[in-house]
Amino acid sequence: MLYQMLYYIWGAKMQELETLKGIIKEKDLSQEKLARALGVSLNTVIRWFQNKSKPSDLALIQIRKFINKHKRRQT
C-alpha cells in the first residue's frame, strides 16, 4: 500500500513536470525565467528536468499555480 501511494505521488509530480516542460517550450521561456517565477534556483529546475531530484511539496504548489495561470491564458 505504501509503495502504491509513493508511486502515485511520484507519478503525479512527474506528470506536472511534463506539463511544465510543455508550457515553457510553448511560451519559449528559459529555465532561468521559470526558476525565477517559481522562486527556486536554476540548478533546482535543471535537476528536476534531468530527473535527478523531485520538487518539494512547497515547490509543487508553486508549479501548480504556474501551470494553472498559464492554462487559463490559453483558453
N, C-alpha and C. Protein backbone atom coordinates (compact mmCIF):
# COMPACT_ATOMS: atom_id res chain seq x y z
N MET A 1 0.83 -1.20 0.00
CA MET A 1 0.00 0.00 0.00
C MET A 1 0.87 1.26 0.00
N LEU A 2 1.90 1.27 0.84
CA LEU A 2 2.78 2.43 0.90
C LEU A 2 3.49 2.65 -0.43
N TYR A 3 3.94 1.56 -1.05
CA TYR A 3 4.63 1.68 -2.33
C TYR A 3 3.70 2.23 -3.41
N GLN A 4 2.45 1.80 -3.37
CA GLN A 4 1.48 2.31 -4.35
C GLN A 4 1.26 3.80 -4.17
N MET A 5 1.18 4.23 -2.91
CA MET A 5 0.97 5.64 -2.63
C MET A 5 2.18 6.46 -3.08
N LEU A 6 3.37 5.97 -2.78
CA LEU A 6 4.58 6.68 -3.20
C LEU A 6 4.69 6.73 -4.71
N TYR A 7 4.34 5.63 -5.38
CA TYR A 7 4.37 5.59 -6.84
C TYR A 7 3.39 6.61 -7.42
N TYR A 8 2.21 6.70 -6.82
CA TYR A 8 1.21 7.66 -7.27
C TYR A 8 1.71 9.09 -7.10
N ILE A 9 2.28 9.38 -5.93
CA ILE A 9 2.78 10.74 -5.67
C ILE A 9 3.89 11.08 -6.64
N TRP A 10 4.85 10.18 -6.82
CA TRP A 10 5.96 10.42 -7.74
C TRP A 10 5.44 10.61 -9.16
N GLY A 11 4.49 9.77 -9.58
CA GLY A 11 3.92 9.86 -10.92
C GLY A 11 3.20 11.18 -11.13
N ALA A 12 2.49 11.65 -10.13
CA ALA A 12 1.78 12.93 -10.23
C ALA A 12 2.78 14.08 -10.40
N LYS A 13 3.86 14.03 -9.63
CA LYS A 13 4.87 15.08 -9.73
C LYS A 13 5.52 15.06 -11.11
N MET A 14 5.79 13.87 -11.62
CA MET A 14 6.43 13.76 -12.93
C MET A 14 5.49 14.25 -14.03
N GLN A 15 4.21 13.97 -13.90
CA GLN A 15 3.23 14.43 -14.88
C GLN A 15 3.17 15.96 -14.89
N GLU A 16 3.22 16.56 -13.71
CA GLU A 16 3.19 18.02 -13.64
C GLU A 16 4.46 18.62 -14.23
N LEU A 17 5.59 17.95 -14.04
CA LEU A 17 6.83 18.44 -14.65
C LEU A 17 6.75 18.37 -16.17
N GLU A 18 6.14 17.32 -16.69
CA GLU A 18 5.98 17.22 -18.15
C GLU A 18 5.08 18.34 -18.67
N THR A 19 4.01 18.64 -17.94
CA THR A 19 3.13 19.75 -18.31
C THR A 19 3.92 21.05 -18.29
N LEU A 20 4.73 21.22 -17.25
CA LEU A 20 5.56 22.41 -17.10
C LEU A 20 6.53 22.55 -18.27
N LYS A 21 7.16 21.45 -18.66
CA LYS A 21 8.09 21.47 -19.81
C LYS A 21 7.36 21.92 -21.07
N GLY A 22 6.14 21.42 -21.26
CA GLY A 22 5.36 21.81 -22.43
C GLY A 22 5.04 23.29 -22.44
N ILE A 23 4.71 23.84 -21.29
CA ILE A 23 4.37 25.27 -21.20
C ILE A 23 5.59 26.12 -21.51
N ILE A 24 6.74 25.77 -20.93
CA ILE A 24 7.91 26.63 -21.17
C ILE A 24 8.38 26.52 -22.61
N LYS A 25 8.16 25.36 -23.22
CA LYS A 25 8.51 25.23 -24.65
C LYS A 25 7.56 26.06 -25.50
N GLU A 26 6.27 25.94 -25.21
CA GLU A 26 5.25 26.68 -25.96
C GLU A 26 5.42 28.19 -25.82
N LYS A 27 5.73 28.63 -24.61
CA LYS A 27 5.87 30.07 -24.34
C LYS A 27 7.28 30.57 -24.61
N ASP A 28 8.18 29.67 -24.99
CA ASP A 28 9.58 30.00 -25.26
C ASP A 28 10.23 30.68 -24.06
N LEU A 29 9.99 30.09 -22.87
CA LEU A 29 10.60 30.59 -21.64
C LEU A 29 11.88 29.82 -21.36
N SER A 30 12.85 30.49 -20.81
CA SER A 30 14.08 29.81 -20.41
C SER A 30 13.87 29.13 -19.06
N GLN A 31 14.72 28.17 -18.77
CA GLN A 31 14.67 27.53 -17.46
C GLN A 31 15.00 28.55 -16.38
N GLU A 32 15.82 29.52 -16.70
CA GLU A 32 16.17 30.56 -15.73
C GLU A 32 14.94 31.40 -15.38
N LYS A 33 14.16 31.79 -16.38
CA LYS A 33 12.94 32.57 -16.12
C LYS A 33 11.93 31.74 -15.33
N LEU A 34 11.86 30.46 -15.66
CA LEU A 34 10.96 29.58 -14.92
C LEU A 34 11.38 29.50 -13.46
N ALA A 35 12.67 29.34 -13.22
CA ALA A 35 13.18 29.26 -11.85
C ALA A 35 12.82 30.51 -11.07
N ARG A 36 12.99 31.67 -11.69
CA ARG A 36 12.63 32.93 -11.01
C ARG A 36 11.14 32.98 -10.70
N ALA A 37 10.32 32.56 -11.66
CA ALA A 37 8.87 32.59 -11.46
C ALA A 37 8.43 31.66 -10.34
N LEU A 38 9.15 30.55 -10.17
CA LEU A 38 8.80 29.58 -9.13
C LEU A 38 9.48 29.86 -7.79
N GLY A 39 10.46 30.75 -7.80
CA GLY A 39 11.17 31.08 -6.57
C GLY A 39 12.18 30.02 -6.16
N VAL A 40 12.76 29.34 -7.16
CA VAL A 40 13.79 28.33 -6.90
C VAL A 40 15.02 28.66 -7.73
N SER A 41 16.10 27.95 -7.46
CA SER A 41 17.32 28.21 -8.22
C SER A 41 17.27 27.54 -9.59
N LEU A 42 18.08 28.04 -10.49
CA LEU A 42 18.19 27.44 -11.82
C LEU A 42 18.65 25.99 -11.70
N ASN A 43 19.61 25.72 -10.81
CA ASN A 43 20.09 24.35 -10.64
C ASN A 43 18.99 23.41 -10.19
N THR A 44 18.07 23.91 -9.38
CA THR A 44 16.93 23.09 -8.94
C THR A 44 16.08 22.68 -10.13
N VAL A 45 15.75 23.63 -10.99
CA VAL A 45 14.93 23.33 -12.18
C VAL A 45 15.66 22.33 -13.07
N ILE A 46 16.94 22.53 -13.26
CA ILE A 46 17.72 21.62 -14.10
C ILE A 46 17.68 20.20 -13.53
N ARG A 47 17.84 20.07 -12.22
CA ARG A 47 17.80 18.74 -11.58
C ARG A 47 16.42 18.09 -11.75
N TRP A 48 15.36 18.89 -11.66
CA TRP A 48 14.02 18.33 -11.87
C TRP A 48 13.89 17.78 -13.28
N PHE A 49 14.30 18.58 -14.27
CA PHE A 49 14.13 18.19 -15.66
C PHE A 49 15.05 17.05 -16.07
N GLN A 50 16.12 16.85 -15.34
CA GLN A 50 17.02 15.72 -15.61
C GLN A 50 16.67 14.50 -14.74
N ASN A 51 15.56 14.59 -14.02
CA ASN A 51 15.09 13.52 -13.12
C ASN A 51 16.13 13.15 -12.06
N LYS A 52 16.92 14.13 -11.63
CA LYS A 52 17.89 13.89 -10.58
C LYS A 52 17.31 14.20 -9.20
N SER A 53 16.22 14.95 -9.18
CA SER A 53 15.50 15.22 -7.94
C SER A 53 14.05 15.49 -8.28
N LYS A 54 13.24 15.54 -7.25
CA LYS A 54 11.82 15.82 -7.46
C LYS A 54 11.46 17.08 -6.69
N PRO A 55 10.45 17.79 -7.12
CA PRO A 55 10.05 19.02 -6.43
C PRO A 55 9.56 18.73 -5.01
N SER A 56 9.89 19.63 -4.11
CA SER A 56 9.35 19.55 -2.76
C SER A 56 7.86 19.86 -2.80
N ASP A 57 7.20 19.61 -1.71
CA ASP A 57 5.76 19.92 -1.66
C ASP A 57 5.51 21.41 -1.87
N LEU A 58 6.36 22.25 -1.29
CA LEU A 58 6.22 23.69 -1.46
C LEU A 58 6.44 24.09 -2.92
N ALA A 59 7.47 23.52 -3.53
CA ALA A 59 7.74 23.82 -4.95
C ALA A 59 6.60 23.31 -5.82
N LEU A 60 6.03 22.18 -5.46
CA LEU A 60 4.93 21.63 -6.23
C LEU A 60 3.71 22.56 -6.21
N ILE A 61 3.49 23.21 -5.10
CA ILE A 61 2.41 24.20 -5.02
C ILE A 61 2.66 25.32 -6.01
N GLN A 62 3.90 25.81 -6.05
CA GLN A 62 4.25 26.88 -6.99
C GLN A 62 4.13 26.41 -8.44
N ILE A 63 4.52 25.18 -8.70
CA ILE A 63 4.40 24.61 -10.05
C ILE A 63 2.94 24.56 -10.46
N ARG A 64 2.09 24.09 -9.58
CA ARG A 64 0.66 24.01 -9.90
C ARG A 64 0.07 25.39 -10.15
N LYS A 65 0.46 26.38 -9.37
CA LYS A 65 -0.02 27.75 -9.60
C LYS A 65 0.44 28.25 -10.97
N PHE A 66 1.70 27.98 -11.30
CA PHE A 66 2.25 28.40 -12.59
C PHE A 66 1.49 27.74 -13.74
N ILE A 67 1.26 26.43 -13.62
CA ILE A 67 0.53 25.69 -14.66
C ILE A 67 -0.88 26.24 -14.81
N ASN A 68 -1.58 26.41 -13.69
CA ASN A 68 -2.96 26.92 -13.75
C ASN A 68 -3.02 28.32 -14.35
N LYS A 69 -2.08 29.15 -14.00
CA LYS A 69 -2.03 30.51 -14.54
C LYS A 69 -1.87 30.49 -16.06
N HIS A 70 -1.01 29.64 -16.55
CA HIS A 70 -0.75 29.60 -17.99
C HIS A 70 -1.80 28.80 -18.75
N LYS A 71 -2.45 27.87 -18.09
CA LYS A 71 -3.57 27.16 -18.75
C LYS A 71 -4.74 28.09 -18.96
N ARG A 72 -4.99 28.97 -17.99
CA ARG A 72 -6.10 29.93 -18.11
C ARG A 72 -5.86 30.88 -19.28
N ARG A 73 -4.62 31.27 -19.49
CA ARG A 73 -4.31 32.18 -20.58
C ARG A 73 -4.50 31.53 -21.94
N GLN A 74 -4.38 30.21 -22.01
CA GLN A 74 -4.53 29.51 -23.29
C GLN A 74 -5.97 29.44 -23.75
N THR A 75 -6.90 29.41 -22.79
CA THR A 75 -8.31 29.25 -23.17
C THR A 75 -8.99 30.55 -23.46
